[in-house]
C-alpha atoms as a PDB file:
ATOM      1  CA  MET A   1     -28.313 -24.175   2.049  1.00  0.00           C
ATOM      2  CA  ALA A   2     -24.727 -24.078   0.537  1.00  0.00           C
ATOM      3  CA  GLU A   3     -22.042 -22.540   3.235  1.00  0.00           C
ATOM      4  CA  GLN A   4     -20.586 -19.405   1.835  1.00  0.00           C
ATOM      5  CA  SER A   5     -16.731 -19.349   1.663  1.00  0.00           C
ATOM      6  CA  ALA A   6     -14.790 -17.193   3.939  1.00  0.00           C
ATOM      7  CA  PRO A   7     -13.672 -13.749   2.424  1.00  0.00           C
ATOM      8  CA  ARG A   8     -10.444 -13.379   1.512  1.00  0.00           C
ATOM      9  CA  ILE A   9      -8.769 -10.759   3.814  1.00  0.00           C
ATOM     10  CA  ALA A  10      -6.800  -7.662   2.230  1.00  0.00           C
ATOM     11  CA  LEU A  11      -4.978  -4.720   4.054  1.00  0.00           C
ATOM     12  CA  VAL A  12      -4.435  -1.862   1.643  1.00  0.00           C
ATOM     13  CA  LEU A  13      -2.137   0.633   3.286  1.00  0.00           C
ATOM     14  CA  GLY A  14      -2.516   4.251   1.622  1.00  0.00           C
ATOM     15  CA  ALA A  15      -6.266   3.176   0.272  1.00  0.00           C
ATOM     16  CA  SER A  16      -7.579   6.866   0.077  1.00  0.00           C
ATOM     17  CA  ARG A  17      -6.312   7.628  -3.397  1.00  0.00           C
ATOM     18  CA  GLY A  18      -4.250   7.005  -6.366  1.00  0.00           C
ATOM     19  CA  LEU A  19      -3.125   3.461  -6.980  1.00  0.00           C
ATOM     20  CA  GLY A  20      -4.033   2.166  -3.496  1.00  0.00           C
ATOM     21  CA  ALA A  21      -7.321   3.242  -3.568  1.00  0.00           C
ATOM     22  CA  ALA A  22      -8.114   1.734  -6.996  1.00  0.00           C
ATOM     23  CA  ILE A  23      -6.664  -1.656  -5.696  1.00  0.00           C
ATOM     24  CA  ALA A  24      -8.822  -1.602  -2.594  1.00  0.00           C
ATOM     25  CA  GLU A  25     -11.973  -0.908  -4.656  1.00  0.00           C
ATOM     26  CA  ALA A  26     -11.201  -3.854  -7.145  1.00  0.00           C
ATOM     27  CA  LEU A  27     -10.640  -5.901  -4.529  1.00  0.00           C
ATOM     28  CA  GLY A  28     -13.811  -5.010  -2.681  1.00  0.00           C
ATOM     29  CA  ALA A  29     -15.804  -5.279  -5.759  1.00  0.00           C
ATOM     30  CA  ALA A  30     -14.169  -8.753  -6.133  1.00  0.00           C
ATOM     31  CA  GLY A  31     -15.607 -10.066  -2.980  1.00  0.00           C
ATOM     32  CA  TRP A  32     -12.540  -9.402  -0.636  1.00  0.00           C
ATOM     33  CA  GLN A  33     -12.821  -8.314   2.810  1.00  0.00           C
ATOM     34  CA  VAL A  34     -10.685  -4.867   2.590  1.00  0.00           C
ATOM     35  CA  VAL A  35      -9.326  -3.176   5.519  1.00  0.00           C
ATOM     36  CA  ALA A  36      -8.612   0.246   4.197  1.00  0.00           C
ATOM     37  CA  VAL A  37      -5.752   2.057   6.090  1.00  0.00           C
ATOM     38  CA  ALA A  38      -5.040   5.858   5.543  1.00  0.00           C
ATOM     39  CA  ARG A  39      -5.292   9.116   6.970  1.00  0.00           C
ATOM     40  CA  THR A  40      -8.045  10.769   5.362  1.00  0.00           C
ATOM     41  CA  VAL A  41     -11.393   9.946   6.661  1.00  0.00           C
ATOM     42  CA  GLY A  42     -13.713  11.363   3.859  1.00  0.00           C
ATOM     43  CA  ALA A  43     -11.772   9.642   0.975  1.00  0.00           C
ATOM     44  CA  LEU A  44     -11.856   6.208   3.236  1.00  0.00           C
ATOM     45  CA  GLU A  45     -15.672   6.656   3.205  1.00  0.00           C
ATOM     46  CA  GLU A  46     -15.828   7.654  -0.459  1.00  0.00           C
ATOM     47  CA  LEU A  47     -13.929   4.443  -1.169  1.00  0.00           C
ATOM     48  CA  ASP A  48     -16.238   2.400   1.091  1.00  0.00           C
ATOM     49  CA  ASP A  49     -18.875   3.994  -1.033  1.00  0.00           C
ATOM     50  CA  ARG A  50     -17.588   2.658  -4.261  1.00  0.00           C
ATOM     51  CA  ILE A  51     -17.101  -0.556  -3.172  1.00  0.00           C
ATOM     52  CA  ARG A  52     -20.628  -1.111  -1.866  1.00  0.00           C
ATOM     53  CA  LYS A  53     -22.098   0.286  -4.932  1.00  0.00           C
ATOM     54  CA  ALA A  54     -20.061  -2.218  -7.104  1.00  0.00           C
ATOM     55  CA  GLY A  55     -21.502  -4.914  -4.894  1.00  0.00           C
ATOM     56  CA  GLY A  56     -19.023  -5.860  -2.588  1.00  0.00           C
ATOM     57  CA  PRO A  57     -18.690  -5.991   1.317  1.00  0.00           C
ATOM     58  CA  ALA A  58     -18.558  -3.377   3.359  1.00  0.00           C
ATOM     59  CA  ALA A  59     -14.802  -2.044   4.158  1.00  0.00           C
ATOM     60  CA  THR A  60     -13.643  -2.052   7.136  1.00  0.00           C
ATOM     61  CA  LEU A  61     -11.802   1.363   7.804  1.00  0.00           C
ATOM     62  CA  ALA A  62      -8.909   2.515   9.877  1.00  0.00           C
ATOM     63  CA  PRO A  63      -8.431   6.124   9.401  1.00  0.00           C
ATOM     64  CA  MET A  64      -4.882   6.170  10.962  1.00  0.00           C
ATOM     65  CA  ASP A  65      -1.051   7.272  10.855  1.00  0.00           C
ATOM     66  CA  ILE A  66       1.328   4.142   9.793  1.00  0.00           C
ATOM     67  CA  THR A  67       4.029   5.885  11.586  1.00  0.00           C
ATOM     68  CA  LYS A  68       1.987   5.699  14.839  1.00  0.00           C
ATOM     69  CA  ASP A  69       3.456   1.985  15.913  1.00  0.00           C
ATOM     70  CA  GLU A  70       0.937   1.246  18.734  1.00  0.00           C
ATOM     71  CA  ALA A  71      -1.863   2.185  16.406  1.00  0.00           C
ATOM     72  CA  MET A  72      -0.569  -0.520  13.956  1.00  0.00           C
ATOM     73  CA  ARG A  73      -0.101  -3.008  16.185  1.00  0.00           C
ATOM     74  CA  THR A  74      -3.895  -2.462  17.918  1.00  0.00           C
ATOM     75  CA  LEU A  75      -4.921  -2.621  13.877  1.00  0.00           C
ATOM     76  CA  CYS A  76      -2.890  -5.949  13.130  1.00  0.00           C
ATOM     77  CA  ARG A  77      -4.393  -7.360  16.675  1.00  0.00           C
ATOM     78  CA  SER A  78      -7.914  -6.590  15.727  1.00  0.00           C
ATOM     79  CA  VAL A  79      -7.310  -8.185  12.283  1.00  0.00           C
ATOM     80  CA  PHE A  80      -6.204 -11.382  13.979  1.00  0.00           C
ATOM     81  CA  ASP A  81      -8.821 -11.164  16.719  1.00  0.00           C
ATOM     82  CA  ARG A  82     -11.625 -11.253  13.894  1.00  0.00           C
ATOM     83  CA  TRP A  83     -10.201 -13.113  11.372  1.00  0.00           C
ATOM     84  CA  GLY A  84      -7.252 -14.934  12.290  1.00  0.00           C
ATOM     85  CA  ARG A  85      -5.152 -13.903   9.410  1.00  0.00           C
ATOM     86  CA  ALA A  86      -4.735 -11.308   6.456  1.00  0.00           C
ATOM     87  CA  ASP A  87      -4.315 -12.793   2.765  1.00  0.00           C
ATOM     88  CA  LEU A  88      -2.805  -9.968   1.190  1.00  0.00           C
ATOM     89  CA  TRP A  89      -0.911  -6.873   2.259  1.00  0.00           C
ATOM     90  CA  VAL A  90      -1.060  -4.073  -0.171  1.00  0.00           C
ATOM     91  CA  HIS A  91       1.545  -1.308   0.717  1.00  0.00           C
ATOM     92  CA  ALA A  92       0.749   1.521  -1.065  1.00  0.00           C
ATOM     93  CA  ALA A  93       1.522   4.196   1.586  1.00  0.00           C
ATOM     94  CA  ILE A  94       4.114   6.884   0.402  1.00  0.00           C
ATOM     95  CA  HIS A  95       5.191  10.310   1.633  1.00  0.00           C
ATOM     96  CA  ALA A  96       6.270  12.741  -1.266  1.00  0.00           C
ATOM     97  CA  PRO A  97       8.412  15.407   0.028  1.00  0.00           C
ATOM     98  CA  PRO A  98       9.243  18.744  -2.131  1.00  0.00           C
ATOM     99  CA  LEU A  99      11.547  18.160  -4.739  1.00  0.00           C
ATOM    100  CA  GLY A 100      14.910  20.016  -4.395  1.00  0.00           C
ATOM    101  CA  PRO A 101      18.702  19.727  -4.577  1.00  0.00           C
ATOM    102  CA  ALA A 102      20.262  16.709  -2.104  1.00  0.00           C
ATOM    103  CA  GLY A 103      22.346  19.725  -0.101  1.00  0.00           C
ATOM    104  CA  HIS A 104      18.924  21.303   0.646  1.00  0.00           C
ATOM    105  CA  ILE A 105      16.603  19.274   2.011  1.00  0.00           C
ATOM    106  CA  ALA A 106      14.739  20.122   5.171  1.00  0.00           C
ATOM    107  CA  VAL A 107      15.074  18.488   8.385  1.00  0.00           C
ATOM    108  CA  LYS A 108      11.052  17.931   8.469  1.00  0.00           C
ATOM    109  CA  ASP A 109      11.081  16.530   4.840  1.00  0.00           C
ATOM    110  CA  TRP A 110      14.207  14.049   5.916  1.00  0.00           C
ATOM    111  CA  GLU A 111      12.464  12.946   9.031  1.00  0.00           C
ATOM    112  CA  ARG A 112       8.764  12.736   7.340  1.00  0.00           C
ATOM    113  CA  SER A 113      10.335  10.434   4.306  1.00  0.00           C
ATOM    114  CA  LEU A 114      12.035   8.287   6.717  1.00  0.00           C
ATOM    115  CA  ALA A 115       9.059   7.844   8.837  1.00  0.00           C
ATOM    116  CA  VAL A 116       6.517   7.001   6.333  1.00  0.00           C
ATOM    117  CA  ASN A 117       8.884   5.485   3.528  1.00  0.00           C
ATOM    118  CA  THR A 118      11.094   3.170   5.180  1.00  0.00           C
ATOM    119  CA  ARG A 119      10.941   3.022   9.114  1.00  0.00           C
ATOM    120  CA  ALA A 120       7.028   2.209   8.957  1.00  0.00           C
ATOM    121  CA  PRO A 121       7.344  -0.395   6.879  1.00  0.00           C
ATOM    122  CA  GLY A 122      10.482  -2.000   8.360  1.00  0.00           C
ATOM    123  CA  LEU A 123       8.355  -1.950  11.367  1.00  0.00           C
ATOM    124  CA  LEU A 124       5.263  -3.194   9.630  1.00  0.00           C
ATOM    125  CA  ILE A 125       6.631  -6.261   8.558  1.00  0.00           C
ATOM    126  CA  GLY A 126       7.233  -7.621  11.701  1.00  0.00           C
ATOM    127  CA  MET A 127       3.734  -6.600  12.715  1.00  0.00           C
ATOM    128  CA  ILE A 128       1.978  -8.077   9.344  1.00  0.00           C
ATOM    129  CA  GLU A 129       4.200 -11.168   8.563  1.00  0.00           C
ATOM    130  CA  PRO A 130       2.446 -13.431  11.195  1.00  0.00           C
ATOM    131  CA  LEU A 131      -0.879 -12.685   9.628  1.00  0.00           C
ATOM    132  CA  LEU A 132       0.246 -13.370   5.965  1.00  0.00           C
ATOM    133  CA  LYS A 133       1.578 -16.255   7.545  1.00  0.00           C
ATOM    134  CA  ALA A 134      -1.673 -17.673   9.218  1.00  0.00           C
ATOM    135  CA  SER A 135      -2.872 -17.551   5.460  1.00  0.00           C
ATOM    136  CA  PRO A 136      -2.718 -20.615   3.077  1.00  0.00           C
ATOM    137  CA  ALA A 137      -1.296 -18.221   0.282  1.00  0.00           C
ATOM    138  CA  GLY A 138      -0.283 -14.778   2.237  1.00  0.00           C
ATOM    139  CA  THR A 139       1.122 -12.296  -0.131  1.00  0.00           C
ATOM    140  CA  ALA A 140       2.773  -8.792   0.394  1.00  0.00           C
ATOM    141  CA  LEU A 141       2.845  -6.114  -2.737  1.00  0.00           C
ATOM    142  CA  PHE A 142       5.265  -3.288  -2.770  1.00  0.00           C
ATOM    143  CA  PHE A 143       5.753  -0.771  -5.616  1.00  0.00           C
ATOM    144  CA  ASP A 144       9.302  -0.116  -6.833  1.00  0.00           C
ATOM    145  CA  ASP A 145       9.506   3.370  -8.347  1.00  0.00           C
ATOM    146  CA  PRO A 146      12.427   4.055 -11.095  1.00  0.00           C
ATOM    147  CA  ALA A 147      12.143   7.993 -10.033  1.00  0.00           C
ATOM    148  CA  THR A 148      14.782   6.466  -7.034  1.00  0.00           C
ATOM    149  CA  GLY A 149      18.276   8.196  -8.042  1.00  0.00           C
ATOM    150  CA  ALA A 150      16.623  10.854 -10.250  1.00  0.00           C
ATOM    151  CA  ARG A 151      18.260  14.301  -9.564  1.00  0.00           C
ATOM    152  CA  LEU A 152      16.116  16.401  -7.293  1.00  0.00           C
ATOM    153  CA  HIS A 153      14.393  13.315  -5.476  1.00  0.00           C
ATOM    154  CA  GLY A 154      16.684  12.994  -2.872  1.00  0.00           C
ATOM    155  CA  ALA A 155      14.855  12.712   0.200  1.00  0.00           C
ATOM    156  CA  TYR A 156      11.957  10.712  -1.840  1.00  0.00           C
ATOM    157  CA  GLY A 157      14.411   8.374  -3.769  1.00  0.00           C
ATOM    158  CA  ALA A 158      16.507   7.574  -0.731  1.00  0.00           C
ATOM    159  CA  THR A 159      13.804   6.515   1.510  1.00  0.00           C
ATOM    160  CA  LYS A 160      11.713   4.869  -1.481  1.00  0.00           C
ATOM    161  CA  ALA A 161      14.799   2.770  -2.443  1.00  0.00           C
ATOM    162  CA  ALA A 162      15.792   1.646   1.278  1.00  0.00           C
ATOM    163  CA  GLN A 163      11.964   0.675   1.692  1.00  0.00           C
ATOM    164  CA  ILE A 164      12.379  -1.496  -1.824  1.00  0.00           C
ATOM    165  CA  ALA A 165      15.899  -2.866  -0.337  1.00  0.00           C
ATOM    166  CA  LEU A 166      14.122  -4.088   2.776  1.00  0.00           C
ATOM    167  CA  ALA A 167      11.483  -5.680   0.860  1.00  0.00           C
ATOM    168  CA  ARG A 168      13.918  -7.571  -1.473  1.00  0.00           C
ATOM    169  CA  SER A 169      15.595  -8.974   1.416  1.00  0.00           C
ATOM    170  CA  TRP A 170      12.087 -10.325   2.789  1.00  0.00           C
ATOM    171  CA  GLN A 171      11.451 -11.688  -0.195  1.00  0.00           C
ATOM    172  CA  GLY A 172      14.446 -13.792  -0.688  1.00  0.00           C
ATOM    173  CA  GLU A 173      14.209 -14.819   3.036  1.00  0.00           C
ATOM    174  CA  SER A 174      10.756 -16.024   3.113  1.00  0.00           C
ATOM    175  CA  ALA A 175      10.970 -17.558  -0.465  1.00  0.00           C
ATOM    176  CA  ARG A 176      11.081 -21.120   0.943  1.00  0.00           C
ATOM    177  CA  LEU A 177       8.442 -20.900   3.686  1.00  0.00           C
ATOM    178  CA  GLY A 178       6.153 -17.638   2.769  1.00  0.00           C
ATOM    179  CA  PRO A 179       4.793 -15.262   2.553  1.00  0.00           C
ATOM    180  CA  ARG A 180       5.134 -14.529  -0.894  1.00  0.00           C
ATOM    181  CA  VAL A 181       6.476 -10.855  -1.492  1.00  0.00           C
ATOM    182  CA  LEU A 182       5.991  -9.087  -4.624  1.00  0.00           C
ATOM    183  CA  ILE A 183       7.551  -6.527  -6.040  1.00  0.00           C
ATOM    184  CA  GLU A 184       5.870  -4.881  -9.035  1.00  0.00           C
ATOM    185  CA  THR A 185       6.731  -1.402 -10.875  1.00  0.00           C
ATOM    186  CA  PRO A 186       3.395   0.413 -12.025  1.00  0.00           C
ATOM    187  CA  PRO A 187       3.620   2.380 -15.270  1.00  0.00           C
ATOM    188  CA  PRO A 188       3.514   6.204 -14.772  1.00  0.00           C
ATOM    189  CA  MET A 189      -0.219   7.268 -13.221  1.00  0.00           C
ATOM    190  CA  PRO A 190      -2.104  10.641 -13.038  1.00  0.00           C
ATOM    191  CA  THR A 191      -1.763  10.327  -9.067  1.00  0.00           C
ATOM    192  CA  ALA A 192      -1.173  13.346  -6.723  1.00  0.00           C
ATOM    193  CA  LEU A 193       2.433  11.630  -6.268  1.00  0.00           C
ATOM    194  CA  ARG A 194       3.003  12.220  -9.671  1.00  0.00           C
ATOM    195  CA  ALA A 195       1.430  15.530 -10.170  1.00  0.00           C
ATOM    196  CA  ARG A 196       3.178  16.929  -7.162  1.00  0.00           C
ATOM    197  CA  PHE A 197       6.694  16.111  -8.949  1.00  0.00           C
ATOM    198  CA  ARG A 198       5.600  16.903 -12.325  1.00  0.00           C
ATOM    199  CA  PRO A 199       2.947  19.450 -12.142  1.00  0.00           C
ATOM    200  CA  GLY A 200       2.922  20.498 -15.778  1.00  0.00           C
ATOM    201  CA  GLU A 201       2.733  17.113 -17.123  1.00  0.00           C
ATOM    202  CA  ASN A 202      -0.145  15.883 -19.654  1.00  0.00           C
ATOM    203  CA  ARG A 203      -1.961  13.878 -17.234  1.00  0.00           C
ATOM    204  CA  ALA A 204      -4.207  12.268 -20.050  1.00  0.00           C
ATOM    205  CA  LYS A 205      -1.225  10.141 -21.622  1.00  0.00           C
ATOM    206  CA  LEU A 206      -0.820   8.513 -18.384  1.00  0.00           C
ATOM    207  CA  ALA A 207      -2.031   4.873 -17.710  1.00  0.00           C
ATOM    208  CA  PRO A 208      -5.572   4.819 -15.576  1.00  0.00           C
ATOM    209  CA  CYS A 209      -5.111   3.656 -11.969  1.00  0.00           C
ATOM    210  CA  ARG A 210      -7.943   1.564 -12.471  1.00  0.00           C
ATOM    211  CA  GLU A 211      -6.633  -0.431 -15.516  1.00  0.00           C
ATOM    212  CA  VAL A 212      -3.146  -0.851 -13.241  1.00  0.00           C
ATOM    213  CA  ALA A 213      -4.877  -1.972 -10.388  1.00  0.00           C
ATOM    214  CA  ALA A 214      -6.565  -4.734 -12.625  1.00  0.00           C
ATOM    215  CA  ARG A 215      -3.399  -5.836 -14.110  1.00  0.00           C
ATOM    216  CA  MET A 216      -1.544  -5.737 -10.249  1.00  0.00           C
ATOM    217  CA  LEU A 217      -4.458  -7.910  -9.165  1.00  0.00           C
ATOM    218  CA  ALA A 218      -3.747 -10.176 -12.020  1.00  0.00           C
ATOM    219  CA  ALA A 219      -0.425 -10.769 -10.750  1.00  0.00           C
ATOM    220  CA  ILE A 220      -1.609 -11.593  -7.318  1.00  0.00           C
ATOM    221  CA  GLY A 221      -3.790 -14.505  -8.721  1.00  0.00           C
END
């Protein structure tokens, strides 16, 4: 009997809904072993059901908050102990604070935006980079957003822009020795994030998350 090849390992943060869920589902259906991270247990279980229904392996569900440093360190250690590597890190986790003028951003909104959108990915690079370097083709995928700098998007835009600036620095630093760092700009999609910012928008005109996920995975190769 021919020996089965080892599955590729994908760590997807923000896997419970939107583009993160669509990418996790597509990866699982393609045979990847998905480690799905999000705070919503029910949504992660539904994701796992969809992956298995499509014929993929059961996902490893990690219901946790990415701002909890020790929990994320434990997760990364568990991934290393079980598989010795991660082949892909998809960073789709994001916090969307209320829209408002820059001079009226509530302290709690600043703090949560900084914690999720900037501080967490900054620390996670150090935790996940060794896992990606242990893979022959380790890749990290971040998502830029043209809304950064838009009026009333101060807390979201500033913290998201800082995240992408950090990712671009890492991209340049790792260009020769790896891991590969990709930064993609998805088209407008009917996500909960966009609905919060544009509640009256005609969502039928937006790009379906599954179609965008397919294009993103094609870019990964």
